[in-house]
């Protein structure tokens, strides 16, 4: 089982997946909203993630595929960077294997056309009919990193 995770400014998006290659499937997408206004908010996010990772690890090996936050001029916001760190801490506390995936590698790993953006390709691969209710940029990132880890 792989949990693909993407941290955004206001939520940690988790794509729960199973299978590899042609048998890769998303079983659920959930979004955990959070605020970074105090240490209590971060502690609550840590508690939620620890609980989810604990449930996911029962009876199956669980890998965390984490979309790395970008740095630089057009990098990720501070809230997303903090959520990424809290996610790593929760996984570490549960003894889970974390694979960090750089967003720059997704275009190649998803097989994007020359001018195609990886988020558009992820939507085409994992939500082609638009029926997933919780689909967002965060869901695209979470699904994409889980897939890249599943096929590696």
Protein backbone atom coordinates (compact mmCIF):
# COMPACT_ATOMS: atom_id res chain seq x y z
CA UNK A 1 0.00 0.00 0.00
CA UNK A 2 1.26 3.47 -0.87
CA UNK A 3 0.01 6.76 0.50
CA UNK A 4 0.79 9.56 -1.94
CA UNK A 5 0.99 12.87 -0.11
CA UNK A 6 1.03 16.46 -1.30
CA UNK A 7 1.17 19.39 1.12
CA UNK A 8 -0.55 22.61 0.11
CA UNK A 9 -1.01 25.97 1.82
CA UNK A 10 -4.10 24.83 3.69
CA UNK A 11 -4.28 21.03 3.50
CA UNK A 12 -2.37 17.78 3.35
CA UNK A 13 -3.86 15.67 0.56
CA UNK A 14 -3.51 11.89 0.84
CA UNK A 15 -4.14 9.49 -2.04
CA UNK A 16 -4.46 5.93 -0.72
CA UNK A 17 -3.41 3.50 -3.43
CA UNK A 18 -2.81 -0.16 -4.10
CA UNK A 19 -1.18 -2.18 -6.85
CA UNK A 20 1.65 -1.45 -9.26
CA UNK A 21 1.99 -0.79 -12.97
CA UNK A 22 -1.22 -1.58 -14.86
CA UNK A 23 -2.90 -2.67 -11.62
CA UNK A 24 -2.29 0.68 -9.88
CA UNK A 25 -5.51 2.04 -8.38
CA UNK A 26 -6.50 4.91 -6.13
CA UNK A 27 -8.75 3.62 -3.38
CA UNK A 28 -9.42 6.94 -1.63
CA UNK A 29 -8.44 10.59 -1.59
CA UNK A 30 -8.74 12.60 1.56
CA UNK A 31 -7.78 16.12 2.46
CA UNK A 32 -6.75 17.14 5.94
CA UNK A 33 -7.26 20.89 6.34
CA UNK A 34 -4.92 22.74 8.68
CA UNK A 35 -3.78 26.19 9.73
CA UNK A 36 -0.32 27.23 10.77
CA UNK A 37 -1.15 29.91 13.30
CA UNK A 38 0.23 28.19 16.37
CA UNK A 39 2.09 25.15 17.57
CA UNK A 40 -1.24 23.66 18.61
CA UNK A 41 -2.40 23.61 14.99
CA UNK A 42 0.75 21.77 13.92
CA UNK A 43 0.40 19.36 16.83
CA UNK A 44 -3.17 18.60 15.71
CA UNK A 45 -1.96 17.94 12.15
CA UNK A 46 0.71 15.60 13.54
CA UNK A 47 -1.92 13.75 15.59
CA UNK A 48 -4.22 13.34 12.57
CA UNK A 49 -1.44 12.08 10.31
CA UNK A 50 -0.11 9.70 12.97
CA UNK A 51 -3.59 8.22 13.38
CA UNK A 52 -4.09 7.81 9.62
CA UNK A 53 -0.65 6.27 9.14
CA UNK A 54 -1.29 3.91 12.06
CA UNK A 55 -4.54 2.67 10.49
CA UNK A 56 -2.93 2.30 7.07
CA UNK A 57 0.02 0.30 8.40
CA UNK A 58 -2.14 -2.45 9.93
CA UNK A 59 -1.59 -5.76 8.19
CA UNK A 60 0.23 -4.33 5.17
CA UNK A 61 3.51 -2.66 4.46
CA UNK A 62 2.89 1.03 3.98
CA UNK A 63 5.12 3.39 2.01
CA UNK A 64 4.74 7.15 2.11
CA UNK A 65 5.34 8.84 -1.26
CA UNK A 66 5.85 12.51 -0.47
CA UNK A 67 5.80 15.28 -3.06
CA UNK A 68 8.72 17.50 -2.10
CA UNK A 69 8.10 21.17 -1.69
CA UNK A 70 9.94 23.38 -4.15
CA UNK A 71 12.27 26.16 -3.17
CA UNK A 72 13.36 29.24 -5.02
CA UNK A 73 11.52 32.15 -6.55
CA UNK A 74 8.40 30.17 -7.47
CA UNK A 75 8.70 27.71 -4.61
CA UNK A 76 6.21 26.39 -2.12
CA UNK A 77 4.72 28.56 0.59
CA UNK A 78 5.90 28.33 4.18
CA UNK A 79 2.70 26.56 5.28
CA UNK A 80 3.22 23.74 2.76
CA UNK A 81 6.86 23.34 3.82
CA UNK A 82 5.80 23.04 7.46
CA UNK A 83 3.11 20.49 6.55
CA UNK A 84 5.71 18.46 4.65
CA UNK A 85 7.96 18.42 7.72
CA UNK A 86 5.08 17.36 9.99
CA UNK A 87 4.23 14.57 7.52
CA UNK A 88 7.80 13.29 7.66
CA UNK A 89 7.73 13.43 11.46
CA UNK A 90 4.46 11.44 11.62
CA UNK A 91 5.85 8.80 9.24
CA UNK A 92 9.05 8.58 11.26
CA UNK A 93 7.12 8.12 14.50
CA UNK A 94 5.28 5.17 12.91
CA UNK A 95 8.50 3.72 11.46
CA UNK A 96 7.30 4.07 7.86
CA UNK A 97 9.44 4.27 4.75
CA UNK A 98 9.27 7.72 3.10
CA UNK A 99 10.16 8.25 -0.55
CA UNK A 100 10.49 11.91 -1.51
CA UNK A 101 9.67 12.74 -5.11
CA UNK A 102 10.74 16.01 -6.72
CA UNK A 103 7.99 17.74 -8.72
CA UNK A 104 10.52 18.33 -11.51
CA UNK A 105 10.70 14.57 -12.13
CA UNK A 106 6.95 14.05 -12.54
CA UNK A 107 6.70 15.25 -16.14
CA UNK A 108 9.07 12.52 -17.30
CA UNK A 109 7.77 9.82 -14.95
CA UNK A 110 4.15 10.36 -15.98
CA UNK A 111 5.01 10.36 -19.69
CA UNK A 112 3.87 13.89 -20.45
CA UNK A 113 3.83 15.26 -23.99
CA UNK A 114 6.30 18.06 -24.72
CA UNK A 115 4.04 20.96 -23.71
CA UNK A 116 1.81 19.05 -21.29
CA UNK A 117 1.87 19.92 -17.58
CA UNK A 118 2.24 17.02 -15.15
CA UNK A 119 -0.94 17.98 -13.26
CA UNK A 120 -2.96 17.75 -16.50
CA UNK A 121 -1.40 14.37 -17.28
CA UNK A 122 -2.17 13.13 -13.75
CA UNK A 123 -5.81 14.19 -14.14
CA UNK A 124 -5.99 12.35 -17.48
CA UNK A 125 -4.48 9.19 -15.98
CA UNK A 126 -6.21 9.08 -12.60
CA UNK A 127 -9.43 11.09 -13.03
CA UNK A 128 -10.21 10.83 -16.74
CA UNK A 129 -13.98 11.15 -16.41
CA UNK A 130 -13.86 13.80 -13.68
CA UNK A 131 -15.90 11.69 -11.26
CA UNK A 132 -13.52 11.94 -8.30
CA UNK A 133 -15.19 14.48 -6.06
CA UNK A 134 -12.07 15.50 -4.16
CA UNK A 135 -9.86 16.10 -7.23
CA UNK A 136 -7.60 19.15 -6.95
CA UNK A 137 -4.02 20.19 -7.61
CA UNK A 138 -3.13 18.52 -4.31
CA UNK A 139 -4.90 15.32 -5.34
CA UNK A 140 -3.07 15.35 -8.67
CA UNK A 141 0.25 15.63 -6.84
CA UNK A 142 -0.59 12.94 -4.30
CA UNK A 143 -1.75 10.50 -6.98
CA UNK A 144 1.24 11.26 -9.21
CA UNK A 145 3.85 10.60 -6.50
CA UNK A 146 2.13 7.40 -5.40
CA UNK A 147 2.13 6.19 -9.01
CA UNK A 148 5.81 7.01 -9.57
CA UNK A 149 6.77 5.07 -6.45
CA UNK A 150 4.50 2.17 -7.43
CA UNK A 151 6.12 1.78 -10.86
CA UNK A 152 9.73 2.23 -9.70
